[in-house]
Amino acid sequence: MENNIISYIEFKTNDIAVTKNFYGKVFGWKFTDYGPTYTSFSESGVLGGFEKTDEQVTHGVLVVLYHEDLKAVIEAITKNGGEIVQDIFSFPGGKRFHFKDPGGNELAVWSDK
């Protein structure tokens, strides 16, 4: 895996089953469930997932970058005007954190290290 590339795109949804049905039937995407509130997708040209939320979805896309050294990226983000909005946490497959760029866009960085 290369550092600093977009490796995953994450969407919000209010209904995992309806979302899977839609993207599966319309675009032929395949899904892997990780519990009742998360499913990843493939066969789309880029890897991604859908996370269930009870909130209204207004900004539903989360771009996820990859980097093997999360602490180094956090340091670079904060030195260059970004803001960490969710500290490093574990999930099946690795760890990640969320940040806002100076323009207010929220992204995430993950690592399998």
PDB file of N, CA and C in Angstrom:
ATOM      1  N   MET A   1       0.855  -1.178   0.000  1.00  0.00           N
ATOM      2  CA  MET A   1       0.000   0.000   0.000  1.00  0.00           C
ATOM      3  C   MET A   1       0.898   1.238   0.000  1.00  0.00           C
ATOM      4  N   GLU A   2       0.554   2.207  -0.810  1.00  0.00           N
ATOM      5  CA  GLU A   2       1.324   3.445  -0.896  1.00  0.00           C
ATOM      6  C   GLU A   2       0.815   4.473   0.108  1.00  0.00           C
ATOM      7  N   ASN A   3       1.726   5.283   0.635  1.00  0.00           N
ATOM      8  CA  ASN A   3       1.347   6.378   1.513  1.00  0.00           C
ATOM      9  C   ASN A   3       0.716   7.505   0.700  1.00  0.00           C
ATOM     10  N   ASN A   4      -0.163   8.256   1.348  1.00  0.00           N
ATOM     11  CA  ASN A   4      -0.714   9.508   0.832  1.00  0.00           C
ATOM     12  C   ASN A   4      -1.638   9.367  -0.377  1.00  0.00           C
ATOM     13  N   ILE A   5      -2.196   8.180  -0.606  1.00  0.00           N
ATOM     14  CA  ILE A   5      -3.143   8.020  -1.699  1.00  0.00           C
ATOM     15  C   ILE A   5      -4.551   7.847  -1.129  1.00  0.00           C
ATOM     16  N   ILE A   6      -5.556   8.179  -1.929  1.00  0.00           N
ATOM     17  CA  ILE A   6      -6.927   7.894  -1.520  1.00  0.00           C
ATOM     18  C   ILE A   6      -7.124   6.404  -1.667  1.00  0.00           C
ATOM     19  N   SER A   7      -7.424   5.742  -0.567  1.00  0.00           N
ATOM     20  CA  SER A   7      -7.535   4.292  -0.624  1.00  0.00           C
ATOM     21  C   SER A   7      -8.942   3.801  -0.333  1.00  0.00           C
ATOM     22  N   TYR A   8      -9.844   4.683   0.113  1.00  0.00           N
ATOM     23  CA  TYR A   8     -11.154   4.223   0.562  1.00  0.00           C
ATOM     24  C   TYR A   8     -12.086   5.418   0.626  1.00  0.00           C
ATOM     25  N   ILE A   9     -13.340   5.213   0.271  1.00  0.00           N
ATOM     26  CA  ILE A   9     -14.341   6.272   0.378  1.00  0.00           C
ATOM     27  C   ILE A   9     -15.491   5.737   1.216  1.00  0.00           C
ATOM     28  N   GLU A  10     -15.886   6.509   2.215  1.00  0.00           N
ATOM     29  CA  GLU A  10     -16.919   6.050   3.140  1.00  0.00           C
ATOM     30  C   GLU A  10     -18.132   6.965   3.072  1.00  0.00           C
ATOM     31  N   PHE A  11     -19.297   6.358   2.930  1.00  0.00           N
ATOM     32  CA  PHE A  11     -20.566   7.067   2.870  1.00  0.00           C
ATOM     33  C   PHE A  11     -21.366   6.805   4.135  1.00  0.00           C
ATOM     34  N   LYS A  12     -22.268   7.699   4.466  1.00  0.00           N
ATOM     35  CA  LYS A  12     -23.247   7.500   5.537  1.00  0.00           C
ATOM     36  C   LYS A  12     -24.544   7.014   4.903  1.00  0.00           C
ATOM     37  N   THR A  13     -25.337   6.276   5.654  1.00  0.00           N
ATOM     38  CA  THR A  13     -26.646   5.835   5.200  1.00  0.00           C
ATOM     39  C   THR A  13     -27.553   5.636   6.402  1.00  0.00           C
ATOM     40  N   ASN A  14     -28.840   5.822   6.192  1.00  0.00           N
ATOM     41  CA  ASN A  14     -29.808   5.567   7.260  1.00  0.00           C
ATOM     42  C   ASN A  14     -30.297   4.129   7.232  1.00  0.00           C
ATOM     43  N   ASP A  15     -30.033   3.387   6.154  1.00  0.00           N
ATOM     44  CA  ASP A  15     -30.518   2.018   6.037  1.00  0.00           C
ATOM     45  C   ASP A  15     -29.537   1.201   5.203  1.00  0.00           C
ATOM     46  N   ILE A  16     -28.763   0.355   5.870  1.00  0.00           N
ATOM     47  CA  ILE A  16     -27.747  -0.456   5.190  1.00  0.00           C
ATOM     48  C   ILE A  16     -28.390  -1.370   4.133  1.00  0.00           C
ATOM     49  N   ALA A  17     -29.479  -2.054   4.489  1.00  0.00           N
ATOM     50  CA  ALA A  17     -30.093  -3.024   3.576  1.00  0.00           C
ATOM     51  C   ALA A  17     -30.595  -2.349   2.300  1.00  0.00           C
ATOM     52  N   VAL A  18     -31.267  -1.219   2.432  1.00  0.00           N
ATOM     53  CA  VAL A  18     -31.780  -0.498   1.267  1.00  0.00           C
ATOM     54  C   VAL A  18     -30.620  -0.016   0.399  1.00  0.00           C
ATOM     55  N   THR A  19     -29.577   0.477   1.028  1.00  0.00           N
ATOM     56  CA  THR A  19     -28.410   0.978   0.298  1.00  0.00           C
ATOM     57  C   THR A  19     -27.724  -0.147  -0.470  1.00  0.00           C
ATOM     58  N   LYS A  20     -27.513  -1.293   0.195  1.00  0.00           N
ATOM     59  CA  LYS A  20     -26.895  -2.439  -0.475  1.00  0.00           C
ATOM     60  C   LYS A  20     -27.746  -2.898  -1.657  1.00  0.00           C
ATOM     61  N   ASN A  21     -29.046  -2.967  -1.475  1.00  0.00           N
ATOM     62  CA  ASN A  21     -29.947  -3.379  -2.538  1.00  0.00           C
ATOM     63  C   ASN A  21     -29.834  -2.426  -3.739  1.00  0.00           C
ATOM     64  N   PHE A  22     -29.843  -1.132  -3.464  1.00  0.00           N
ATOM     65  CA  PHE A  22     -29.761  -0.133  -4.531  1.00  0.00           C
ATOM     66  C   PHE A  22     -28.461  -0.267  -5.323  1.00  0.00           C
ATOM     67  N   TYR A  23     -27.301  -0.181  -4.647  1.00  0.00           N
ATOM     68  CA  TYR A  23     -26.025  -0.201  -5.350  1.00  0.00           C
ATOM     69  C   TYR A  23     -25.727  -1.568  -5.963  1.00  0.00           C
ATOM     70  N   GLY A  24     -26.210  -2.633  -5.319  1.00  0.00           N
ATOM     71  CA  GLY A  24     -26.030  -3.968  -5.876  1.00  0.00           C
ATOM     72  C   GLY A  24     -26.801  -4.145  -7.170  1.00  0.00           C
ATOM     73  N   LYS A  25     -28.067  -3.738  -7.176  1.00  0.00           N
ATOM     74  CA  LYS A  25     -28.906  -3.907  -8.371  1.00  0.00           C
ATOM     75  C   LYS A  25     -28.569  -2.920  -9.479  1.00  0.00           C
ATOM     76  N   VAL A  26     -28.300  -1.673  -9.116  1.00  0.00           N
ATOM     77  CA  VAL A  26     -28.047  -0.657 -10.134  1.00  0.00           C
ATOM     78  C   VAL A  26     -26.653  -0.779 -10.730  1.00  0.00           C
ATOM     79  N   PHE A  27     -25.629  -0.983  -9.885  1.00  0.00           N
ATOM     80  CA  PHE A  27     -24.246  -0.938 -10.349  1.00  0.00           C
ATOM     81  C   PHE A  27     -23.489  -2.259 -10.228  1.00  0.00           C
ATOM     82  N   GLY A  28     -24.089  -3.275  -9.614  1.00  0.00           N
ATOM     83  CA  GLY A  28     -23.430  -4.569  -9.483  1.00  0.00           C
ATOM     84  C   GLY A  28     -22.359  -4.640  -8.416  1.00  0.00           C
ATOM     85  N   TRP A  29     -22.392  -3.708  -7.460  1.00  0.00           N
ATOM     86  CA  TRP A  29     -21.394  -3.727  -6.393  1.00  0.00           C
ATOM     87  C   TRP A  29     -21.594  -4.944  -5.504  1.00  0.00           C
ATOM     88  N   LYS A  30     -20.493  -5.420  -4.896  1.00  0.00           N
ATOM     89  CA  LYS A  30     -20.508  -6.537  -3.954  1.00  0.00           C
ATOM     90  C   LYS A  30     -20.247  -5.985  -2.552  1.00  0.00           C
ATOM     91  N   PHE A  31     -20.753  -6.675  -1.528  1.00  0.00           N
ATOM     92  CA  PHE A  31     -20.681  -6.162  -0.158  1.00  0.00           C
ATOM     93  C   PHE A  31     -20.138  -7.195   0.811  1.00  0.00           C
ATOM     94  N   THR A  32     -19.444  -6.697   1.846  1.00  0.00           N
ATOM     95  CA  THR A  32     -18.998  -7.506   2.976  1.00  0.00           C
ATOM     96  C   THR A  32     -19.457  -6.792   4.238  1.00  0.00           C
ATOM     97  N   ASP A  33     -20.296  -7.446   5.023  1.00  0.00           N
ATOM     98  CA  ASP A  33     -20.829  -6.846   6.244  1.00  0.00           C
ATOM     99  C   ASP A  33     -19.853  -6.995   7.401  1.00  0.00           C
ATOM    100  N   TYR A  34     -19.768  -5.934   8.210  1.00  0.00           N
ATOM    101  CA  TYR A  34     -18.984  -5.926   9.442  1.00  0.00           C
ATOM    102  C   TYR A  34     -19.925  -5.524  10.561  1.00  0.00           C
ATOM    103  N   GLY A  35     -20.840  -6.408  10.909  1.00  0.00           N
ATOM    104  CA  GLY A  35     -21.843  -6.109  11.919  1.00  0.00           C
ATOM    105  C   GLY A  35     -23.037  -5.412  11.302  1.00  0.00           C
ATOM    106  N   PRO A  36     -23.991  -5.010  12.140  1.00  0.00           N
ATOM    107  CA  PRO A  36     -25.242  -4.445  11.637  1.00  0.00           C
ATOM    108  C   PRO A  36     -25.150  -2.984  11.184  1.00  0.00           C
ATOM    109  N   THR A  37     -24.038  -2.311  11.473  1.00  0.00           N
ATOM    110  CA  THR A  37     -23.964  -0.881  11.163  1.00  0.00           C
ATOM    111  C   THR A  37     -22.893  -0.526  10.134  1.00  0.00           C
ATOM    112  N   TYR A  38     -22.272  -1.538   9.514  1.00  0.00           N
ATOM    113  CA  TYR A  38     -21.232  -1.215   8.536  1.00  0.00           C
ATOM    114  C   TYR A  38     -21.143  -2.298   7.472  1.00  0.00           C
ATOM    115  N   THR A  39     -20.992  -1.865   6.224  1.00  0.00           N
ATOM    116  CA  THR A  39     -20.716  -2.787   5.123  1.00  0.00           C
ATOM    117  C   THR A  39     -19.704  -2.138   4.198  1.00  0.00           C
ATOM    118  N   SER A  40     -18.758  -2.926   3.716  1.00  0.00           N
ATOM    119  CA  SER A  40     -17.818  -2.414   2.728  1.00  0.00           C
ATOM    120  C   SER A  40     -18.298  -2.832   1.343  1.00  0.00           C
ATOM    121  N   PHE A  41     -17.843  -2.101   0.322  1.00  0.00           N
ATOM    122  CA  PHE A  41     -18.221  -2.463  -1.040  1.00  0.00           C
ATOM    123  C   PHE A  41     -16.993  -2.622  -1.918  1.00  0.00           C
ATOM    124  N   SER A  42     -17.169  -3.422  -2.967  1.00  0.00           N
ATOM    125  CA  SER A  42     -16.129  -3.630  -3.972  1.00  0.00           C
ATOM    126  C   SER A  42     -16.814  -3.678  -5.333  1.00  0.00           C
ATOM    127  N   GLU A  43     -16.027  -3.882  -6.385  1.00  0.00           N
ATOM    128  CA  GLU A  43     -16.540  -3.912  -7.757  1.00  0.00           C
ATOM    129  C   GLU A  43     -17.030  -2.527  -8.210  1.00  0.00           C
ATOM    130  N   SER A  44     -16.490  -1.465  -7.589  1.00  0.00           N
ATOM    131  CA  SER A  44     -16.944  -0.110  -7.900  1.00  0.00           C
ATOM    132  C   SER A  44     -15.852   0.756  -8.530  1.00  0.00           C
ATOM    133  N   GLY A  45     -14.644   0.244  -8.612  1.00  0.00           N
ATOM    134  CA  GLY A  45     -13.521   1.031  -9.115  1.00  0.00           C
ATOM    135  C   GLY A  45     -12.665   1.602  -8.000  1.00  0.00           C
ATOM    136  N   VAL A  46     -13.229   1.695  -6.802  1.00  0.00           N
ATOM    137  CA  VAL A  46     -12.507   2.116  -5.607  1.00  0.00           C
ATOM    138  C   VAL A  46     -13.155   1.390  -4.433  1.00  0.00           C
ATOM    139  N   LEU A  47     -12.369   1.049  -3.432  1.00  0.00           N
ATOM    140  CA  LEU A  47     -12.940   0.401  -2.253  1.00  0.00           C
ATOM    141  C   LEU A  47     -13.626   1.429  -1.382  1.00  0.00           C
ATOM    142  N   GLY A  48     -14.666   1.011  -0.694  1.00  0.00           N
ATOM    143  CA  GLY A  48     -15.383   1.930   0.175  1.00  0.00           C
ATOM    144  C   GLY A  48     -16.340   1.204   1.076  1.00  0.00           C
ATOM    145  N   GLY A  49     -17.127   1.983   1.800  1.00  0.00           N
ATOM    146  CA  GLY A  49     -18.083   1.387   2.708  1.00  0.00           C
ATOM    147  C   GLY A  49     -19.234   2.320   3.016  1.00  0.00           C
ATOM    148  N   PHE A  50     -20.251   1.765   3.652  1.00  0.00           N
ATOM    149  CA  PHE A  50     -21.406   2.507   4.119  1.00  0.00           C
ATOM    150  C   PHE A  50     -21.527   2.304   5.618  1.00  0.00           C
ATOM    151  N   GLU A  51     -21.628   3.411   6.359  1.00  0.00           N
ATOM    152  CA  GLU A  51     -21.803   3.370   7.805  1.00  0.00           C
ATOM    153  C   GLU A  51     -23.214   3.853   8.143  1.00  0.00           C
ATOM    154  N   LYS A  52     -23.924   3.070   8.955  1.00  0.00           N
ATOM    155  CA  LYS A  52     -25.273   3.447   9.356  1.00  0.00           C
ATOM    156  C   LYS A  52     -25.218   4.608  10.340  1.00  0.00           C
ATOM    157  N   THR A  53     -26.102   5.555  10.130  1.00  0.00           N
ATOM    158  CA  THR A  53     -26.259   6.672  11.038  1.00  0.00           C
ATOM    159  C   THR A  53     -27.738   6.939  11.237  1.00  0.00           C
ATOM    160  N   ASP A  54     -28.100   7.421  12.406  1.00  0.00           N
ATOM    161  CA  ASP A  54     -29.483   7.805  12.669  1.00  0.00           C
ATOM    162  C   ASP A  54     -29.710   9.280  12.363  1.00  0.00           C
ATOM    163  N   GLU A  55     -28.639  10.011  12.090  1.00  0.00           N
ATOM    164  CA  GLU A  55     -28.738  11.430  11.772  1.00  0.00           C
ATOM    165  C   GLU A  55     -29.082  11.612  10.295  1.00  0.00           C
ATOM    166  N   GLN A  56     -29.613  12.770   9.959  1.00  0.00           N
ATOM    167  CA  GLN A  56     -29.876  13.083   8.557  1.00  0.00           C
ATOM    168  C   GLN A  56     -28.543  13.171   7.827  1.00  0.00           C
ATOM    169  N   VAL A  57     -28.461  12.541   6.679  1.00  0.00           N
ATOM    170  CA  VAL A  57     -27.226  12.558   5.905  1.00  0.00           C
ATOM    171  C   VAL A  57     -27.198  13.819   5.047  1.00  0.00           C
ATOM    172  N   THR A  58     -26.225  14.703   5.342  1.00  0.00           N
ATOM    173  CA  THR A  58     -26.084  15.930   4.557  1.00  0.00           C
ATOM    174  C   THR A  58     -24.741  15.973   3.842  1.00  0.00           C
ATOM    175  N   HIS A  59     -23.702  15.512   4.493  1.00  0.00           N
ATOM    176  CA  HIS A  59     -22.371  15.433   3.884  1.00  0.00           C
ATOM    177  C   HIS A  59     -21.936  13.981   4.019  1.00  0.00           C
ATOM    178  N   GLY A  60     -22.394  13.135   3.124  1.00  0.00           N
ATOM    179  CA  GLY A  60     -22.298  11.704   3.313  1.00  0.00           C
ATOM    180  C   GLY A  60     -21.013  11.031   2.904  1.00  0.00           C
ATOM    181  N   VAL A  61     -20.074  11.712   2.297  1.00  0.00           N
ATOM    182  CA  VAL A  61     -18.872  11.050   1.802  1.00  0.00           C
ATOM    183  C   VAL A  61     -17.681  11.368   2.699  1.00  0.00           C
ATOM    184  N   LEU A  62     -16.943  10.328   3.077  1.00  0.00           N
ATOM    185  CA  LEU A  62     -15.703  10.500   3.813  1.00  0.00           C
ATOM    186  C   LEU A  62     -14.584   9.907   2.973  1.00  0.00           C
ATOM    187  N   VAL A  63     -13.652  10.736   2.529  1.00  0.00           N
ATOM    188  CA  VAL A  63     -12.487  10.257   1.795  1.00  0.00           C
ATOM    189  C   VAL A  63     -11.451   9.800   2.815  1.00  0.00           C
ATOM    190  N   VAL A  64     -10.938   8.596   2.604  1.00  0.00           N
ATOM    191  CA  VAL A  64      -9.984   8.003   3.535  1.00  0.00           C
ATOM    192  C   VAL A  64      -8.651   7.814   2.823  1.00  0.00           C
ATOM    193  N   LEU A  65      -7.609   8.455   3.357  1.00  0.00           N
ATOM    194  CA  LEU A  65      -6.250   8.316   2.838  1.00  0.00           C
ATOM    195  C   LEU A  65      -5.541   7.221   3.610  1.00  0.00           C
ATOM    196  N   TYR A  66      -4.461   6.709   3.051  1.00  0.00           N
ATOM    197  CA  TYR A  66      -3.650   5.712   3.748  1.00  0.00           C
ATOM    198  C   TYR A  66      -2.295   6.309   4.093  1.00  0.00           C
ATOM    199  N   HIS A  67      -1.785   5.960   5.277  1.00  0.00           N
ATOM    200  CA  HIS A  67      -0.405   6.261   5.640  1.00  0.00           C
ATOM    201  C   HIS A  67       0.013   5.292   6.732  1.00  0.00           C
ATOM    202  N   GLU A  68       1.238   4.781   6.616  1.00  0.00           N
ATOM    203  CA  GLU A  68       1.695   3.787   7.580  1.00  0.00           C
ATOM    204  C   GLU A  68       2.022   4.387   8.946  1.00  0.00           C
ATOM    205  N   ASP A  69       2.241   5.689   9.042  1.00  0.00           N
ATOM    206  CA  ASP A  69       2.627   6.333  10.302  1.00  0.00           C
ATOM    207  C   ASP A  69       1.601   7.409  10.671  1.00  0.00           C
ATOM    208  N   LEU A  70       0.553   7.017  11.386  1.00  0.00           N
ATOM    209  CA  LEU A  70      -0.529   7.943  11.725  1.00  0.00           C
ATOM    210  C   LEU A  70      -0.049   9.124  12.564  1.00  0.00           C
ATOM    211  N   LYS A  71       0.847   8.878  13.508  1.00  0.00           N
ATOM    212  CA  LYS A  71       1.318   9.965  14.373  1.00  0.00           C
ATOM    213  C   LYS A  71       2.089  11.025  13.578  1.00  0.00           C
ATOM    214  N   ALA A  72       2.869  10.604  12.611  1.00  0.00           N
ATOM    215  CA  ALA A  72       3.604  11.565  11.778  1.00  0.00           C
ATOM    216  C   ALA A  72       2.640  12.414  10.954  1.00  0.00           C
ATOM    217  N   VAL A  73       1.565  11.805  10.454  1.00  0.00           N
ATOM    218  CA  VAL A  73       0.591  12.549   9.658  1.00  0.00           C
ATOM    219  C   VAL A  73      -0.174  13.529  10.537  1.00  0.00           C
ATOM    220  N   ILE A  74      -0.527  13.112  11.753  1.00  0.00           N
ATOM    221  CA  ILE A  74      -1.201  14.026  12.684  1.00  0.00           C
ATOM    222  C   ILE A  74      -0.335  15.256  12.931  1.00  0.00           C
ATOM    223  N   GLU A  75       0.944  15.030  13.150  1.00  0.00           N
ATOM    224  CA  GLU A  75       1.866  16.152  13.382  1.00  0.00           C
ATOM    225  C   GLU A  75       1.898  17.084  12.169  1.00  0.00           C
ATOM    226  N   ALA A  76       1.973  16.527  10.975  1.00  0.00           N
ATOM    227  CA  ALA A  76       2.009  17.349   9.761  1.00  0.00           C
ATOM    228  C   ALA A  76       0.702  18.122   9.566  1.00  0.00           C
ATOM    229  N   ILE A  77      -0.418  17.474   9.863  1.00  0.00           N
ATOM    230  CA  ILE A  77      -1.722  18.139   9.709  1.00  0.00           C
ATOM    231  C   ILE A  77      -1.820  19.332  10.645  1.00  0.00           C
ATOM    232  N   THR A  78      -1.488  19.136  11.909  1.00  0.00           N
ATOM    233  CA  THR A  78      -1.628  20.223  12.879  1.00  0.00           C
ATOM    234  C   THR A  78      -0.615  21.341  12.619  1.00  0.00           C
ATOM    235  N   LYS A  79       0.579  21.016  12.137  1.00  0.00           N
ATOM    236  CA  LYS A  79       1.579  22.036  11.814  1.00  0.00           C
ATOM    237  C   LYS A  79       1.167  22.895  10.621  1.00  0.00           C
ATOM    238  N   ASN A  80       0.289  22.351   9.787  1.00  0.00           N
ATOM    239  CA  ASN A  80      -0.063  23.039   8.542  1.00  0.00           C
ATOM    240  C   ASN A  80      -1.495  23.544   8.515  1.00  0.00           C
ATOM    241  N   GLY A  81      -2.073  23.766   9.692  1.00  0.00           N
ATOM    242  CA  GLY A  81      -3.375  24.419   9.769  1.00  0.00           C
ATOM    243  C   GLY A  81      -4.581  23.516   9.792  1.00  0.00           C
ATOM    244  N   GLY A  82      -4.375  22.199   9.848  1.00  0.00           N
ATOM    245  CA  GLY A  82      -5.490  21.263   9.954  1.00  0.00           C
ATOM    246  C   GLY A  82      -5.874  21.035  11.406  1.00  0.00           C
ATOM    247  N   GLU A  83      -7.001  20.386  11.609  1.00  0.00           N
ATOM    248  CA  GLU A  83      -7.518  20.140  12.959  1.00  0.00           C
ATOM    249  C   GLU A  83      -7.909  18.670  13.087  1.00  0.00           C
ATOM    250  N   ILE A  84      -7.437  18.014  14.128  1.00  0.00           N
ATOM    251  CA  ILE A  84      -7.821  16.630  14.400  1.00  0.00           C
ATOM    252  C   ILE A  84      -9.197  16.673  15.062  1.00  0.00           C
ATOM    253  N   VAL A  85     -10.186  16.012  14.457  1.00  0.00           N
ATOM    254  CA  VAL A  85     -11.544  16.033  15.001  1.00  0.00           C
ATOM    255  C   VAL A  85     -11.936  14.703  15.636  1.00  0.00           C
ATOM    256  N   GLN A  86     -11.200  13.638  15.353  1.00  0.00           N
ATOM    257  CA  GLN A  86     -11.386  12.355  16.034  1.00  0.00           C
ATOM    258  C   GLN A  86     -10.028  11.693  16.106  1.00  0.00           C
ATOM    259  N   ASP A  87      -9.564  11.471  17.337  1.00  0.00           N
ATOM    260  CA  ASP A  87      -8.234  10.918  17.547  1.00  0.00           C
ATOM    261  C   ASP A  87      -8.168   9.472  17.046  1.00  0.00           C
ATOM    262  N   ILE A  88      -6.972   8.913  17.036  1.00  0.00           N
ATOM    263  CA  ILE A  88      -6.749   7.556  16.543  1.00  0.00           C
ATOM    264  C   ILE A  88      -7.640   6.566  17.289  1.00  0.00           C
ATOM    265  N   PHE A  89      -8.313   5.710  16.523  1.00  0.00           N
ATOM    266  CA  PHE A  89      -9.131   4.641  17.094  1.00  0.00           C
ATOM    267  C   PHE A  89      -8.948   3.389  16.253  1.00  0.00           C
ATOM    268  N   SER A  90      -9.217   2.248  16.864  1.00  0.00           N
ATOM    269  CA  SER A  90      -9.088   0.960  16.181  1.00  0.00           C
ATOM    270  C   SER A  90     -10.408   0.562  15.548  1.00  0.00           C
ATOM    271  N   PHE A  91     -10.312  -0.194  14.463  1.00  0.00           N
ATOM    272  CA  PHE A  91     -11.468  -0.781  13.793  1.00  0.00           C
ATOM    273  C   PHE A  91     -10.988  -2.090  13.179  1.00  0.00           C
ATOM    274  N   PRO A  92     -11.883  -2.970  12.746  1.00  0.00           N
ATOM    275  CA  PRO A  92     -11.421  -4.219  12.133  1.00  0.00           C
ATOM    276  C   PRO A  92     -10.552  -3.941  10.912  1.00  0.00           C
ATOM    277  N   GLY A  93      -9.299  -4.284  11.004  1.00  0.00           N
ATOM    278  CA  GLY A  93      -8.387  -4.060   9.884  1.00  0.00           C
ATOM    279  C   GLY A  93      -7.327  -3.012  10.128  1.00  0.00           C
ATOM    280  N   GLY A  94      -7.434  -2.235  11.206  1.00  0.00           N
ATOM    281  CA  GLY A  94      -6.402  -1.238  11.458  1.00  0.00           C
ATOM    282  C   GLY A  94      -6.811  -0.160  12.431  1.00  0.00           C
ATOM    283  N   LYS A  95      -6.240   1.023  12.224  1.00  0.00           N
ATOM    284  CA  LYS A  95      -6.517   2.197  13.050  1.00  0.00           C
ATOM    285  C   LYS A  95      -6.690   3.386  12.116  1.00  0.00           C
ATOM    286  N   ARG A  96      -7.414   4.416  12.594  1.00  0.00           N
ATOM    287  CA  ARG A  96      -7.551   5.636  11.809  1.00  0.00           C
ATOM    288  C   ARG A  96      -7.887   6.811  12.699  1.00  0.00           C
ATOM    289  N   PHE A  97      -7.823   7.998  12.101  1.00  0.00           N
ATOM    290  CA  PHE A  97      -8.259   9.228  12.757  1.00  0.00           C
ATOM    291  C   PHE A  97      -8.917  10.107  11.700  1.00  0.00           C
ATOM    292  N   HIS A  98      -9.656  11.129  12.168  1.00  0.00           N
ATOM    293  CA  HIS A  98     -10.315  12.068  11.264  1.00  0.00           C
ATOM    294  C   HIS A  98      -9.733  13.460  11.487  1.00  0.00           C
ATOM    295  N   PHE A  99      -9.702  14.244  10.423  1.00  0.00           N
ATOM    296  CA  PHE A  99      -9.216  15.614  10.526  1.00  0.00           C
ATOM    297  C   PHE A  99     -10.021  16.507   9.594  1.00  0.00           C
ATOM    298  N   LYS A 100      -9.948  17.816   9.870  1.00  0.00           N
ATOM    299  CA  LYS A 100     -10.498  18.817   8.960  1.00  0.00           C
ATOM    300  C   LYS A 100      -9.338  19.586   8.364  1.00  0.00           C
ATOM    301  N   ASP A 101      -9.425  19.796   7.052  1.00  0.00           N
ATOM    302  CA  ASP A 101      -8.417  20.624   6.393  1.00  0.00           C
ATOM    303  C   ASP A 101      -8.753  22.089   6.653  1.00  0.00           C
ATOM    304  N   PRO A 102      -7.871  23.019   6.294  1.00  0.00           N
ATOM    305  CA  PRO A 102      -8.147  24.433   6.568  1.00  0.00           C
ATOM    306  C   PRO A 102      -9.434  24.956   5.930  1.00  0.00           C
ATOM    307  N   GLY A 103      -9.931  24.278   4.881  1.00  0.00           N
ATOM    308  CA  GLY A 103     -11.175  24.689   4.243  1.00  0.00           C
ATOM    309  C   GLY A 103     -12.417  24.112   4.895  1.00  0.00           C
ATOM    310  N   GLY A 104     -12.233  23.264   5.921  1.00  0.00           N
ATOM    311  CA  GLY A 104     -13.369  22.699   6.632  1.00  0.00           C
ATOM    312  C   GLY A 104     -13.798  21.318   6.166  1.00  0.00           C
ATOM    313  N   ASN A 105     -13.111  20.732   5.197  1.00  0.00           N
ATOM    314  CA  ASN A 105     -13.441  19.391   4.722  1.00  0.00           C
ATOM    315  C   ASN A 105     -12.928  18.334   5.691  1.00  0.00           C
ATOM    316  N   GLU A 106     -13.790  17.358   6.034  1.00  0.00           N
ATOM    317  CA  GLU A 106     -13.362  16.274   6.919  1.00  0.00           C
ATOM    318  C   GLU A 106     -12.905  15.084   6.087  1.00  0.00           C
ATOM    319  N   LEU A 107     -11.735  14.583   6.414  1.00  0.00           N
ATOM    320  CA  LEU A 107     -11.161  13.387   5.793  1.00  0.00           C
ATOM    321  C   LEU A 107     -10.667  12.483   6.912  1.00  0.00           C
ATOM    322  N   ALA A 108     -10.227  11.285   6.549  1.00  0.00           N
ATOM    323  CA  ALA A 108      -9.650  10.365   7.521  1.00  0.00           C
ATOM    324  C   ALA A 108      -8.357   9.809   6.955  1.00  0.00           C
ATOM    325  N   VAL A 109      -7.502   9.325   7.843  1.00  0.00           N
ATOM    326  CA  VAL A 109      -6.281   8.634   7.470  1.00  0.00           C
ATOM    327  C   VAL A 109      -6.265   7.324   8.233  1.00  0.00           C
ATOM    328  N   TRP A 110      -5.986   6.221   7.543  1.00  0.00           N
ATOM    329  CA  TRP A 110      -5.943   4.916   8.195  1.00  0.00           C
ATOM    330  C   TRP A 110      -4.603   4.238   7.974  1.00  0.00           C
ATOM    331  N   SER A 111      -4.334   3.240   8.809  1.00  0.00           N
ATOM    332  CA  SER A 111      -3.124   2.426   8.658  1.00  0.00           C
ATOM    333  C   SER A 111      -3.428   1.014   9.132  1.00  0.00           C
ATOM    334  N   ASP A 112      -2.775   0.067   8.495  1.00  0.00           N
ATOM    335  CA  ASP A 112      -2.856  -1.311   8.949  1.00  0.00           C
ATOM    336  C   ASP A 112      -1.633  -1.687   9.766  1.00  0.00           C
ATOM    337  N   LYS A 113      -0.813  -0.713  10.092  1.00  0.00           N
ATOM    338  CA  LYS A 113       0.412  -0.937  10.885  1.00  0.00           C
ATOM    339  C   LYS A 113       0.155  -0.762  12.358  1.00  0.00           C
TER     340      LYS A 113
END
